[in-house]
Amino acid sequence: MAQGKKQQQKNWSQLLILLGLVLVLGLISRATWNLYRKNQTAQNNLRSSAERAESLKERQVILQDKITKLKTARGIEEEIRNNFSVAKEGEQVINIVEKKPEATATVTPVTKPWWQIW
């Protein structure tokens, strides 16, 4: 009987050790999963930041071209003419408006059933 008690105590201690190891493994796996999610978020943020930086560089090139263009008298005149409806002396402003095609309406006669006539 003494050996049975020792065996039972040994089984309980092994079970407690096993439960402790499972708990530690669970905590480690949860921490690893959280780190993985944070890494994925950081990678997505890095990708979107790189795309945004690229679009800002493209915009910078366009704006630099506009600035260079606006440093000349012809560029200033072109911008004024594009943004405002103005003309120099002796010139006339012509606004061209495209005519919208007229919709052809077809009239279909409405027929009522005989019981709705009265």
PDB file of N, CA and C in Angstrom:
ATOM      1  N   MET A   1       0.808  -1.181   0.000  1.00  0.00           N
ATOM      2  CA  MET A   1       0.000   0.000   0.000  1.00  0.00           C
ATOM      3  C   MET A   1       0.862   1.260   0.000  1.00  0.00           C
ATOM      4  N   ALA A   2       1.997   1.194   0.656  1.00  0.00           N
ATOM      5  CA  ALA A   2       2.892   2.326   0.693  1.00  0.00           C
ATOM      6  C   ALA A   2       3.453   2.590  -0.694  1.00  0.00           C
ATOM      7  N   GLN A   3       3.699   1.526  -1.431  1.00  0.00           N
ATOM      8  CA  GLN A   3       4.204   1.717  -2.779  1.00  0.00           C
ATOM      9  C   GLN A   3       3.110   2.290  -3.677  1.00  0.00           C
ATOM     10  N   GLY A   4       1.876   1.936  -3.477  1.00  0.00           N
ATOM     11  CA  GLY A   4       0.747   2.451  -4.264  1.00  0.00           C
ATOM     12  C   GLY A   4       0.569   3.933  -4.035  1.00  0.00           C
ATOM     13  N   LYS A   5       0.772   4.364  -2.775  1.00  0.00           N
ATOM     14  CA  LYS A   5       0.659   5.797  -2.472  1.00  0.00           C
ATOM     15  C   LYS A   5       1.789   6.567  -3.124  1.00  0.00           C
ATOM     16  N   LYS A   6       2.993   5.998  -3.082  1.00  0.00           N
ATOM     17  CA  LYS A   6       4.127   6.671  -3.699  1.00  0.00           C
ATOM     18  C   LYS A   6       3.936   6.756  -5.211  1.00  0.00           C
ATOM     19  N   GLN A   7       3.402   5.685  -5.783  1.00  0.00           N
ATOM     20  CA  GLN A   7       3.148   5.675  -7.223  1.00  0.00           C
ATOM     21  C   GLN A   7       2.083   6.722  -7.576  1.00  0.00           C
ATOM     22  N   GLN A   8       1.067   6.823  -6.735  1.00  0.00           N
ATOM     23  CA  GLN A   8      -0.009   7.799  -6.976  1.00  0.00           C
ATOM     24  C   GLN A   8       0.525   9.218  -6.832  1.00  0.00           C
ATOM     25  N   GLN A   9       1.379   9.460  -5.844  1.00  0.00           N
ATOM     26  CA  GLN A   9       1.986  10.777  -5.681  1.00  0.00           C
ATOM     27  C   GLN A   9       2.883  11.103  -6.876  1.00  0.00           C
ATOM     28  N   LYS A  10       3.587  10.106  -7.375  1.00  0.00           N
ATOM     29  CA  LYS A  10       4.453  10.298  -8.529  1.00  0.00           C
ATOM     30  C   LYS A  10       3.612  10.649  -9.759  1.00  0.00           C
ATOM     31  N   ASN A  11       2.486   9.973  -9.913  1.00  0.00           N
ATOM     32  CA  ASN A  11       1.589  10.267 -11.041  1.00  0.00           C
ATOM     33  C   ASN A  11       1.040  11.686 -10.952  1.00  0.00           C
ATOM     34  N   TRP A  12       0.667  12.092  -9.741  1.00  0.00           N
ATOM     35  CA  TRP A  12       0.140  13.459  -9.566  1.00  0.00           C
ATOM     36  C   TRP A  12       1.219  14.502  -9.847  1.00  0.00           C
ATOM     37  N   SER A  13       2.412  14.244  -9.396  1.00  0.00           N
ATOM     38  CA  SER A  13       3.484  15.215  -9.637  1.00  0.00           C
ATOM     39  C   SER A  13       3.805  15.282 -11.130  1.00  0.00           C
ATOM     40  N   GLN A  14       3.776  14.144 -11.807  1.00  0.00           N
ATOM     41  CA  GLN A  14       4.007  14.153 -13.255  1.00  0.00           C
ATOM     42  C   GLN A  14       2.891  14.915 -13.977  1.00  0.00           C
ATOM     43  N   LEU A  15       1.670  14.726 -13.512  1.00  0.00           N
ATOM     44  CA  LEU A  15       0.536  15.424 -14.106  1.00  0.00           C
ATOM     45  C   LEU A  15       0.652  16.934 -13.893  1.00  0.00           C
ATOM     46  N   LEU A  16       1.054  17.349 -12.689  1.00  0.00           N
ATOM     47  CA  LEU A  16       1.235  18.768 -12.413  1.00  0.00           C
ATOM     48  C   LEU A  16       2.362  19.360 -13.259  1.00  0.00           C
ATOM     49  N   ILE A  17       3.438  18.620 -13.424  1.00  0.00           N
ATOM     50  CA  ILE A  17       4.539  19.087 -14.266  1.00  0.00           C
ATOM     51  C   ILE A  17       4.066  19.213 -15.708  1.00  0.00           C
ATOM     52  N   LEU A  18       3.320  18.226 -16.180  1.00  0.00           N
ATOM     53  CA  LEU A  18       2.797  18.260 -17.541  1.00  0.00           C
ATOM     54  C   LEU A  18       1.852  19.448 -17.738  1.00  0.00           C
ATOM     55  N   LEU A  19       0.967  19.697 -16.776  1.00  0.00           N
ATOM     56  CA  LEU A  19       0.059  20.849 -16.861  1.00  0.00           C
ATOM     57  C   LEU A  19       0.837  22.163 -16.850  1.00  0.00           C
ATOM     58  N   GLY A  20       1.876  22.226 -16.030  1.00  0.00           N
ATOM     59  CA  GLY A  20       2.716  23.422 -15.997  1.00  0.00           C
ATOM     60  C   GLY A  20       3.402  23.660 -17.338  1.00  0.00           C
ATOM     61  N   LEU A  21       3.920  22.579 -17.937  1.00  0.00           N
ATOM     62  CA  LEU A  21       4.562  22.706 -19.241  1.00  0.00           C
ATOM     63  C   LEU A  21       3.570  23.136 -20.319  1.00  0.00           C
ATOM     64  N   VAL A  22       2.354  22.590 -20.267  1.00  0.00           N
ATOM     65  CA  VAL A  22       1.315  22.985 -21.228  1.00  0.00           C
ATOM     66  C   VAL A  22       0.975  24.461 -21.046  1.00  0.00           C
ATOM     67  N   LEU A  23       0.891  24.897 -19.786  1.00  0.00           N
ATOM     68  CA  LEU A  23       0.593  26.306 -19.518  1.00  0.00           C
ATOM     69  C   LEU A  23       1.708  27.209 -20.050  1.00  0.00           C
ATOM     70  N   VAL A  24       2.940  26.839 -19.809  1.00  0.00           N
ATOM     71  CA  VAL A  24       4.078  27.620 -20.301  1.00  0.00           C
ATOM     72  C   VAL A  24       4.078  27.633 -21.827  1.00  0.00           C
ATOM     73  N   LEU A  25       3.822  26.483 -22.448  1.00  0.00           N
ATOM     74  CA  LEU A  25       3.757  26.406 -23.906  1.00  0.00           C
ATOM     75  C   LEU A  25       2.633  27.298 -24.456  1.00  0.00           C
ATOM     76  N   GLY A  26       1.497  27.314 -23.774  1.00  0.00           N
ATOM     77  CA  GLY A  26       0.389  28.180 -24.183  1.00  0.00           C
ATOM     78  C   GLY A  26       0.758  29.651 -24.101  1.00  0.00           C
ATOM     79  N   LEU A  27       1.417  30.044 -23.021  1.00  0.00           N
ATOM     80  CA  LEU A  27       1.836  31.441 -22.867  1.00  0.00           C
ATOM     81  C   LEU A  27       2.859  31.834 -23.930  1.00  0.00           C
ATOM     82  N   ILE A  28       3.797  30.938 -24.206  1.00  0.00           N
ATOM     83  CA  ILE A  28       4.815  31.227 -25.224  1.00  0.00           C
ATOM     84  C   ILE A  28       4.168  31.332 -26.604  1.00  0.00           C
ATOM     85  N   SER A  29       3.251  30.422 -26.904  1.00  0.00           N
ATOM     86  CA  SER A  29       2.606  30.467 -28.222  1.00  0.00           C
ATOM     87  C   SER A  29       1.732  31.716 -28.366  1.00  0.00           C
ATOM     88  N   ARG A  30       1.087  32.131 -27.295  1.00  0.00           N
ATOM     89  CA  ARG A  30       0.266  33.357 -27.359  1.00  0.00           C
ATOM     90  C   ARG A  30       1.155  34.576 -27.594  1.00  0.00           C
ATOM     91  N   ALA A  31       2.272  34.637 -26.905  1.00  0.00           N
ATOM     92  CA  ALA A  31       3.201  35.756 -27.086  1.00  0.00           C
ATOM     93  C   ALA A  31       3.755  35.760 -28.511  1.00  0.00           C
ATOM     94  N   THR A  32       4.061  34.570 -29.021  1.00  0.00           N
ATOM     95  CA  THR A  32       4.568  34.470 -30.394  1.00  0.00           C
ATOM     96  C   THR A  32       3.514  34.930 -31.384  1.00  0.00           C
ATOM     97  N   TRP A  33       2.275  34.521 -31.169  1.00  0.00           N
ATOM     98  CA  TRP A  33       1.181  34.939 -32.057  1.00  0.00           C
ATOM     99  C   TRP A  33       1.007  36.461 -32.034  1.00  0.00           C
ATOM    100  N   ASN A  34       1.070  37.055 -30.853  1.00  0.00           N
ATOM    101  CA  ASN A  34       0.941  38.519 -30.757  1.00  0.00           C
ATOM    102  C   ASN A  34       2.089  39.214 -31.496  1.00  0.00           C
ATOM    103  N   LEU A  35       3.293  38.688 -31.372  1.00  0.00           N
ATOM    104  CA  LEU A  35       4.426  39.264 -32.089  1.00  0.00           C
ATOM    105  C   LEU A  35       4.245  39.122 -33.597  1.00  0.00           C
ATOM    106  N   TYR A  36       3.715  38.000 -34.033  1.00  0.00           N
ATOM    107  CA  TYR A  36       3.460  37.787 -35.457  1.00  0.00           C
ATOM    108  C   TYR A  36       2.451  38.807 -35.986  1.00  0.00           C
ATOM    109  N   ARG A  37       1.369  39.028 -35.234  1.00  0.00           N
ATOM    110  CA  ARG A  37       0.356  40.012 -35.655  1.00  0.00           C
ATOM    111  C   ARG A  37       0.938  41.413 -35.705  1.00  0.00           C
ATOM    112  N   LYS A  38       1.745  41.770 -34.709  1.00  0.00           N
ATOM    113  CA  LYS A  38       2.378  43.093 -34.717  1.00  0.00           C
ATOM    114  C   LYS A  38       3.325  43.234 -35.898  1.00  0.00           C
ATOM    115  N   ASN A  39       4.036  42.162 -36.230  1.00  0.00           N
ATOM    116  CA  ASN A  39       4.936  42.194 -37.375  1.00  0.00           C
ATOM    117  C   ASN A  39       4.151  42.389 -38.677  1.00  0.00           C
ATOM    118  N   GLN A  40       3.025  41.707 -38.808  1.00  0.00           N
ATOM    119  CA  GLN A  40       2.201  41.861 -40.009  1.00  0.00           C
ATOM    120  C   GLN A  40       1.681  43.298 -40.131  1.00  0.00           C
ATOM    121  N   THR A  41       1.256  43.875 -39.022  1.00  0.00           N
ATOM    122  CA  THR A  41       0.777  45.257 -39.021  1.00  0.00           C
ATOM    123  C   THR A  41       1.911  46.209 -39.417  1.00  0.00           C
ATOM    124  N   ALA A  42       3.085  45.968 -38.873  1.00  0.00           N
ATOM    125  CA  ALA A  42       4.236  46.818 -39.196  1.00  0.00           C
ATOM    126  C   ALA A  42       4.604  46.691 -40.674  1.00  0.00           C
ATOM    127  N   GLN A  43       4.551  45.472 -41.217  1.00  0.00           N
ATOM    128  CA  GLN A  43       4.845  45.273 -42.639  1.00  0.00           C
ATOM    129  C   GLN A  43       3.835  45.998 -43.519  1.00  0.00           C
ATOM    130  N   ASN A  44       2.551  45.925 -43.149  1.00  0.00           N
ATOM    131  CA  ASN A  44       1.514  46.645 -43.904  1.00  0.00           C
ATOM    132  C   ASN A  44       1.727  48.151 -43.839  1.00  0.00           C
ATOM    133  N   ASN A  45       2.060  48.650 -42.664  1.00  0.00           N
ATOM    134  CA  ASN A  45       2.331  50.084 -42.512  1.00  0.00           C
ATOM    135  C   ASN A  45       3.551  50.502 -43.328  1.00  0.00           C
ATOM    136  N   LEU A  46       4.567  49.665 -43.347  1.00  0.00           N
ATOM    137  CA  LEU A  46       5.767  49.963 -44.125  1.00  0.00           C
ATOM    138  C   LEU A  46       5.441  50.021 -45.619  1.00  0.00           C
ATOM    139  N   ARG A  47       4.647  49.052 -46.088  1.00  0.00           N
ATOM    140  CA  ARG A  47       4.254  49.029 -47.496  1.00  0.00           C
ATOM    141  C   ARG A  47       3.464  50.270 -47.871  1.00  0.00           C
ATOM    142  N   SER A  48       2.478  50.623 -47.045  1.00  0.00           N
ATOM    143  CA  SER A  48       1.652  51.794 -47.361  1.00  0.00           C
ATOM    144  C   SER A  48       2.471  53.085 -47.266  1.00  0.00           C
ATOM    145  N   SER A  49       3.408  53.141 -46.335  1.00  0.00           N
ATOM    146  CA  SER A  49       4.269  54.325 -46.234  1.00  0.00           C
ATOM    147  C   SER A  49       5.169  54.453 -47.455  1.00  0.00           C
ATOM    148  N   ALA A  50       5.676  53.328 -47.940  1.00  0.00           N
ATOM    149  CA  ALA A  50       6.526  53.362 -49.133  1.00  0.00           C
ATOM    150  C   ALA A  50       5.723  53.826 -50.352  1.00  0.00           C
ATOM    151  N   GLU A  51       4.482  53.346 -50.472  1.00  0.00           N
ATOM    152  CA  GLU A  51       3.623  53.780 -51.582  1.00  0.00           C
ATOM    153  C   GLU A  51       3.322  55.274 -51.479  1.00  0.00           C
ATOM    154  N   ARG A  52       3.052  55.719 -50.279  1.00  0.00           N
ATOM    155  CA  ARG A  52       2.752  57.135 -50.073  1.00  0.00           C
ATOM    156  C   ARG A  52       3.981  57.997 -50.383  1.00  0.00           C
ATOM    157  N   ALA A  53       5.154  57.531 -49.962  1.00  0.00           N
ATOM    158  CA  ALA A  53       6.382  58.272 -50.245  1.00  0.00           C
ATOM    159  C   ALA A  53       6.620  58.357 -51.753  1.00  0.00           C
ATOM    160  N   GLU A  54       6.345  57.275 -52.457  1.00  0.00           N
ATOM    161  CA  GLU A  54       6.521  57.280 -53.913  1.00  0.00           C
ATOM    162  C   GLU A  54       5.567  58.264 -54.582  1.00  0.00           C
ATOM    163  N   SER A  55       4.305  58.267 -54.135  1.00  0.00           N
ATOM    164  CA  SER A  55       3.348  59.207 -54.733  1.00  0.00           C
ATOM    165  C   SER A  55       3.719  60.656 -54.396  1.00  0.00           C
ATOM    166  N   LEU A  56       4.259  60.882 -53.203  1.00  0.00           N
ATOM    167  CA  LEU A  56       4.696  62.232 -52.843  1.00  0.00           C
ATOM    168  C   LEU A  56       5.899  62.671 -53.672  1.00  0.00           C
ATOM    169  N   LYS A  57       6.793  61.728 -53.986  1.00  0.00           N
ATOM    170  CA  LYS A  57       7.927  62.063 -54.846  1.00  0.00           C
ATOM    171  C   LYS A  57       7.447  62.441 -56.248  1.00  0.00           C
ATOM    172  N   GLU A  58       6.469  61.682 -56.756  1.00  0.00           N
ATOM    173  CA  GLU A  58       5.906  62.003 -58.075  1.00  0.00           C
ATOM    174  C   GLU A  58       5.255  63.385 -58.047  1.00  0.00           C
ATOM    175  N   ARG A  59       4.521  63.662 -56.988  1.00  0.00           N
ATOM    176  CA  ARG A  59       3.866  64.968 -56.858  1.00  0.00           C
ATOM    177  C   ARG A  59       4.901  66.081 -56.753  1.00  0.00           C
ATOM    178  N   GLN A  60       5.999  65.815 -56.059  1.00  0.00           N
ATOM    179  CA  GLN A  60       7.062  66.806 -55.931  1.00  0.00           C
ATOM    180  C   GLN A  60       7.649  67.142 -57.298  1.00  0.00           C
ATOM    181  N   VAL A  61       7.843  66.127 -58.133  1.00  0.00           N
ATOM    182  CA  VAL A  61       8.376  66.363 -59.478  1.00  0.00           C
ATOM    183  C   VAL A  61       7.419  67.231 -60.279  1.00  0.00           C
ATOM    184  N   ILE A  62       6.122  66.919 -60.186  1.00  0.00           N
ATOM    185  CA  ILE A  62       5.114  67.703 -60.917  1.00  0.00           C
ATOM    186  C   ILE A  62       5.103  69.150 -60.428  1.00  0.00           C
ATOM    187  N   LEU A  63       5.139  69.323 -59.115  1.00  0.00           N
ATOM    188  CA  LEU A  63       5.125  70.682 -58.558  1.00  0.00           C
ATOM    189  C   LEU A  63       6.400  71.451 -58.910  1.00  0.00           C
ATOM    190  N   GLN A  64       7.545  70.772 -58.935  1.00  0.00           N
ATOM    191  CA  GLN A  64       8.785  71.432 -59.330  1.00  0.00           C
ATOM    192  C   GLN A  64       8.699  71.905 -60.779  1.00  0.00           C
ATOM    193  N   ASP A  65       8.091  71.071 -61.641  1.00  0.00           N
ATOM    194  CA  ASP A  65       7.906  71.481 -63.040  1.00  0.00           C
ATOM    195  C   ASP A  65       7.002  72.704 -63.132  1.00  0.00           C
ATOM    196  N   LYS A  66       5.919  72.708 -62.337  1.00  0.00           N
ATOM    197  CA  LYS A  66       5.016  73.866 -62.353  1.00  0.00           C
ATOM    198  C   LYS A  66       5.719  75.128 -61.859  1.00  0.00           C
ATOM    199  N   ILE A  67       6.518  74.972 -60.818  1.00  0.00           N
ATOM    200  CA  ILE A  67       7.243  76.131 -60.281  1.00  0.00           C
ATOM    201  C   ILE A  67       8.207  76.680 -61.322  1.00  0.00           C
ATOM    202  N   THR A  68       8.921  75.778 -61.974  1.00  0.00           N
ATOM    203  CA  THR A  68       9.856  76.202 -63.018  1.00  0.00           C
ATOM    204  C   THR A  68       9.113  76.907 -64.140  1.00  0.00           C
ATOM    205  N   LYS A  69       7.962  76.372 -64.498  1.00  0.00           N
ATOM    206  CA  LYS A  69       7.147  76.963 -65.562  1.00  0.00           C
ATOM    207  C   LYS A  69       6.631  78.345 -65.149  1.00  0.00           C
ATOM    208  N   LEU A  70       6.239  78.484 -63.885  1.00  0.00           N
ATOM    209  CA  LEU A  70       5.692  79.755 -63.413  1.00  0.00           C
ATOM    210  C   LEU A  70       6.772  80.834 -63.250  1.00  0.00           C
ATOM    211  N   LYS A  71       8.008  80.468 -63.331  1.00  0.00           N
ATOM    212  CA  LYS A  71       9.078  81.469 -63.232  1.00  0.00           C
ATOM    213  C   LYS A  71       9.252  82.244 -64.532  1.00  0.00           C
ATOM    214  N   THR A  72       8.598  81.761 -65.604  1.00  0.00           N
ATOM    215  CA  THR A  72       8.682  82.462 -66.888  1.00  0.00           C
ATOM    216  C   THR A  72       7.399  83.263 -67.118  1.00  0.00           C
ATOM    217  N   ALA A  73       7.501  84.292 -67.939  1.00  0.00           N
ATOM    218  CA  ALA A  73       6.327  85.129 -68.240  1.00  0.00           C
ATOM    219  C   ALA A  73       5.280  84.322 -69.002  1.00  0.00           C
ATOM    220  N   ARG A  74       5.733  83.463 -69.918  1.00  0.00           N
ATOM    221  CA  ARG A  74       4.787  82.656 -70.691  1.00  0.00           C
ATOM    222  C   ARG A  74       4.034  81.679 -69.785  1.00  0.00           C
ATOM    223  N   GLY A  75       4.715  81.095 -68.823  1.00  0.00           N
ATOM    224  CA  GLY A  75       4.072  80.167 -67.893  1.00  0.00           C
ATOM    225  C   GLY A  75       3.019  80.860 -67.049  1.00  0.00           C
ATOM    226  N   ILE A  76       3.323  82.070 -66.584  1.00  0.00           N
ATOM    227  CA  ILE A  76       2.350  82.835 -65.793  1.00  0.00           C
ATOM    228  C   ILE A  76       1.131  83.157 -66.644  1.00  0.00           C
ATOM    229  N   GLU A  77       1.371  83.590 -67.875  1.00  0.00           N
ATOM    230  CA  GLU A  77       0.254  83.929 -68.765  1.00  0.00           C
ATOM    231  C   GLU A  77      -0.594  82.695 -69.049  1.00  0.00           C
ATOM    232  N   GLU A  78       0.035  81.554 -69.252  1.00  0.00           N
ATOM    233  CA  GLU A  78      -0.698  80.317 -69.540  1.00  0.00           C
ATOM    234  C   GLU A  78      -1.575  79.920 -68.358  1.00  0.00           C
ATOM    235  N   GLU A  79      -1.039  80.008 -67.146  1.00  0.00           N
ATOM    236  CA  GLU A  79      -1.821  79.665 -65.957  1.00  0.00           C
ATOM    237  C   GLU A  79      -3.002  80.610 -65.778  1.00  0.00           C
ATOM    238  N   ILE A  80      -2.778  81.905 -66.006  1.00  0.00           N
ATOM    239  CA  ILE A  80      -3.864  82.880 -65.874  1.00  0.00           C
ATOM    240  C   ILE A  80      -4.957  82.566 -66.891  1.00  0.00           C
ATOM    241  N   ARG A  81      -4.565  82.262 -68.136  1.00  0.00           N
ATOM    242  CA  ARG A  81      -5.552  81.956 -69.176  1.00  0.00           C
ATOM    243  C   ARG A  81      -6.294  80.652 -68.874  1.00  0.00           C
ATOM    244  N   ASN A  82      -5.613  79.670 -68.303  1.00  0.00           N
ATOM    245  CA  ASN A  82      -6.272  78.397 -67.973  1.00  0.00           C
ATOM    246  C   ASN A  82      -7.245  78.530 -66.809  1.00  0.00           C
ATOM    247  N   ASN A  83      -6.899  79.336 -65.828  1.00  0.00           N
ATOM    248  CA  ASN A  83      -7.715  79.425 -64.619  1.00  0.00           C
ATOM    249  C   ASN A  83      -8.795  80.502 -64.679  1.00  0.00           C
ATOM    250  N   PHE A  84      -8.593  81.513 -65.515  1.00  0.00           N
ATOM    251  CA  PHE A  84      -9.550  82.608 -65.568  1.00  0.00           C
ATOM    252  C   PHE A  84      -9.934  82.851 -67.019  1.00  0.00           C
ATOM    253  N   SER A  85     -11.111  83.349 -67.205  1.00  0.00           N
ATOM    254  CA  SER A  85     -11.601  83.650 -68.552  1.00  0.00           C
ATOM    255  C   SER A  85     -11.198  85.085 -68.900  1.00  0.00           C
ATOM    256  N   VAL A  86      -9.939  85.281 -69.289  1.00  0.00           N
ATOM    257  CA  VAL A  86      -9.417  86.609 -69.592  1.00  0.00           C
ATOM    258  C   VAL A  86      -8.764  86.599 -70.964  1.00  0.00           C
ATOM    259  N   ALA A  87      -8.589  87.811 -71.504  1.00  0.00           N
ATOM    260  CA  ALA A  87      -7.919  87.969 -72.798  1.00  0.00           C
ATOM    261  C   ALA A  87      -7.132  89.266 -72.777  1.00  0.00           C
ATOM    262  N   LYS A  88      -6.128  89.332 -73.653  1.00  0.00           N
ATOM    263  CA  LYS A  88      -5.353  90.559 -73.787  1.00  0.00           C
ATOM    264  C   LYS A  88      -6.153  91.548 -74.616  1.00  0.00           C
ATOM    265  N   GLU A  89      -5.637  92.767 -74.681  1.00  0.00           N
ATOM    266  CA  GLU A  89      -6.290  93.769 -75.510  1.00  0.00           C
ATOM    267  C   GLU A  89      -6.259  93.292 -76.959  1.00  0.00           C
ATOM    268  N   GLY A  90      -7.414  93.431 -77.617  1.00  0.00           N
ATOM    269  CA  GLY A  90      -7.533  93.026 -79.009  1.00  0.00           C
ATOM    270  C   GLY A  90      -7.915  91.559 -79.172  1.00  0.00           C
ATOM    271  N   GLU A  91      -7.940  90.787 -78.114  1.00  0.00           N
ATOM    272  CA  GLU A  91      -8.349  89.385 -78.176  1.00  0.00           C
ATOM    273  C   GLU A  91      -9.767  89.251 -77.661  1.00  0.00           C
ATOM    274  N   GLN A  92     -10.407  88.174 -78.020  1.00  0.00           N
ATOM    275  CA  GLN A  92     -11.745  87.888 -77.515  1.00  0.00           C
ATOM    276  C   GLN A  92     -11.740  86.502 -76.881  1.00  0.00           C
ATOM    277  N   VAL A  93     -12.579  86.352 -75.892  1.00  0.00           N
ATOM    278  CA  VAL A  93     -12.699  85.060 -75.217  1.00  0.00           C
ATOM    279  C   VAL A  93     -13.854  84.308 -75.850  1.00  0.00           C
ATOM    280  N   ILE A  94     -13.601  83.083 -76.249  1.00  0.00           N
ATOM    281  CA  ILE A  94     -14.637  82.251 -76.837  1.00  0.00           C
ATOM    282  C   ILE A  94     -14.802  81.022 -75.954  1.00  0.00           C
ATOM    283  N   ASN A  95     -16.005  80.808 -75.504  1.00  0.00           N
ATOM    284  CA  ASN A  95     -16.310  79.617 -74.712  1.00  0.00           C
ATOM    285  C   ASN A  95     -17.033  78.621 -75.608  1.00  0.00           C
ATOM    286  N   ILE A  96     -16.468  77.462 -75.774  1.00  0.00           N
ATOM    287  CA  ILE A  96     -17.064  76.428 -76.609  1.00  0.00           C
ATOM    288  C   ILE A  96     -17.761  75.440 -75.692  1.00  0.00           C
ATOM    289  N   VAL A  97     -19.053  75.265 -75.931  1.00  0.00           N
ATOM    290  CA  VAL A  97     -19.850  74.349 -75.139  1.00  0.00           C
ATOM    291  C   VAL A  97     -20.416  73.305 -76.088  1.00  0.00           C
ATOM    292  N   GLU A  98     -20.180  72.053 -75.769  1.00  0.00           N
ATOM    293  CA  GLU A  98     -20.703  70.992 -76.611  1.00  0.00           C
ATOM    294  C   GLU A  98     -22.196  70.849 -76.383  1.00  0.00           C
ATOM    295  N   LYS A  99     -22.913  70.652 -77.484  1.00  0.00           N
ATOM    296  CA  LYS A  99     -24.344  70.475 -77.391  1.00  0.00           C
ATOM    297  C   LYS A  99     -24.629  69.036 -77.007  1.00  0.00           C
ATOM    298  N   LYS A 100     -25.462  68.880 -76.008  1.00  0.00           N
ATOM    299  CA  LYS A 100     -25.824  67.538 -75.571  1.00  0.00           C
ATOM    300  C   LYS A 100     -26.814  66.951 -76.576  1.00  0.00           C
ATOM    301  N   PRO A 101     -26.657  65.713 -76.919  1.00  0.00           N
ATOM    302  CA  PRO A 101     -27.610  65.110 -77.850  1.00  0.00           C
ATOM    303  C   PRO A 101     -28.992  65.035 -77.206  1.00  0.00           C
ATOM    304  N   GLU A 102     -29.976  65.365 -78.016  1.00  0.00           N
ATOM    305  CA  GLU A 102     -31.341  65.345 -77.502  1.00  0.00           C
ATOM    306  C   GLU A 102     -31.814  63.907 -77.397  1.00  0.00           C
ATOM    307  N   ALA A 103     -32.486  63.648 -76.325  1.00  0.00           N
ATOM    308  CA  ALA A 103     -33.030  62.308 -76.120  1.00  0.00           C
ATOM    309  C   ALA A 103     -34.336  62.200 -76.902  1.00  0.00           C
ATOM    310  N   THR A 104     -34.467  61.138 -77.626  1.00  0.00           N
ATOM    311  CA  THR A 104     -35.710  60.927 -78.381  1.00  0.00           C
ATOM    312  C   THR A 104     -36.689  60.211 -77.477  1.00  0.00           C
ATOM    313  N   ALA A 105     -37.790  60.856 -77.274  1.00  0.00           N
ATOM    314  CA  ALA A 105     -38.813  60.288 -76.407  1.00  0.00           C
ATOM    315  C   ALA A 105     -39.869  59.618 -77.263  1.00  0.00           C
ATOM    316  N   THR A 106     -40.161  58.401 -76.944  1.00  0.00           N
ATOM    317  CA  THR A 106     -41.215  57.685 -77.647  1.00  0.00           C
ATOM    318  C   THR A 106     -42.417  57.605 -76.730  1.00  0.00           C
ATOM    319  N   VAL A 107     -43.545  57.938 -77.286  1.00  0.00           N
ATOM    320  CA  VAL A 107     -44.781  57.920 -76.518  1.00  0.00           C
ATOM    321  C   VAL A 107     -45.474  56.597 -76.796  1.00  0.00           C
ATOM    322  N   THR A 108     -45.702  55.873 -75.732  1.00  0.00           N
ATOM    323  CA  THR A 108     -46.426  54.615 -75.874  1.00  0.00           C
ATOM    324  C   THR A 108     -47.805  54.817 -75.292  1.00  0.00           C
ATOM    325  N   PRO A 109     -48.823  54.468 -76.037  1.00  0.00           N
ATOM    326  CA  PRO A 109     -50.172  54.656 -75.523  1.00  0.00           C
ATOM    327  C   PRO A 109     -50.433  53.741 -74.337  1.00  0.00           C
ATOM    328  N   VAL A 110     -51.122  54.293 -73.368  1.00  0.00           N
ATOM    329  CA  VAL A 110     -51.452  53.533 -72.173  1.00  0.00           C
ATOM    330  C   VAL A 110     -52.830  52.927 -72.374  1.00  0.00           C
ATOM    331  N   THR A 111     -52.878  51.657 -72.295  1.00  0.00           N
ATOM    332  CA  THR A 111     -54.171  50.977 -72.438  1.00  0.00           C
ATOM    333  C   THR A 111     -54.592  50.473 -71.079  1.00  0.00           C
ATOM    334  N   LYS A 112     -55.846  50.766 -70.749  1.00  0.00           N
ATOM    335  CA  LYS A 112     -56.373  50.312 -69.477  1.00  0.00           C
ATOM    336  C   LYS A 112     -57.255  49.088 -69.725  1.00  0.00           C
ATOM    337  N   PRO A 113     -57.273  48.217 -68.770  1.00  0.00           N
ATOM    338  CA  PRO A 113     -58.201  47.086 -68.906  1.00  0.00           C
ATOM    339  C   PRO A 113     -59.649  47.587 -68.910  1.00  0.00           C
ATOM    340  N   TRP A 114     -60.541  46.847 -69.464  1.00  0.00           N
ATOM    341  CA  TRP A 114     -61.928  47.279 -69.638  1.00  0.00           C
ATOM    342  C   TRP A 114     -62.616  47.585 -68.318  1.00  0.00           C
ATOM    343  N   TRP A 115     -62.198  46.937 -67.203  1.00  0.00           N
ATOM    344  CA  TRP A 115     -62.882  47.180 -65.922  1.00  0.00           C
ATOM    345  C   TRP A 115     -62.449  48.490 -65.287  1.00  0.00           C
ATOM    346  N   GLN A 116     -61.363  49.114 -65.743  1.00  0.00           N
ATOM    347  CA  GLN A 116     -60.927  50.402 -65.188  1.00  0.00           C
ATOM    348  C   GLN A 116     -61.416  51.582 -66.006  1.00  0.00           C
ATOM    349  N   ILE A 117     -62.147  51.351 -67.049  1.00  0.00           N
ATOM    350  CA  ILE A 117     -62.626  52.446 -67.877  1.00  0.00           C
ATOM    351  C   ILE A 117     -63.668  53.279 -67.136  1.00  0.00           C
ATOM    352  N   TRP A 118     -64.526  52.681 -66.340  1.00  0.00           N
ATOM    353  CA  TRP A 118     -65.557  53.428 -65.638  1.00  0.00           C
ATOM    354  C   TRP A 118     -65.062  53.966 -64.388  1.00  0.00           C
TER     355      TRP A 118
END
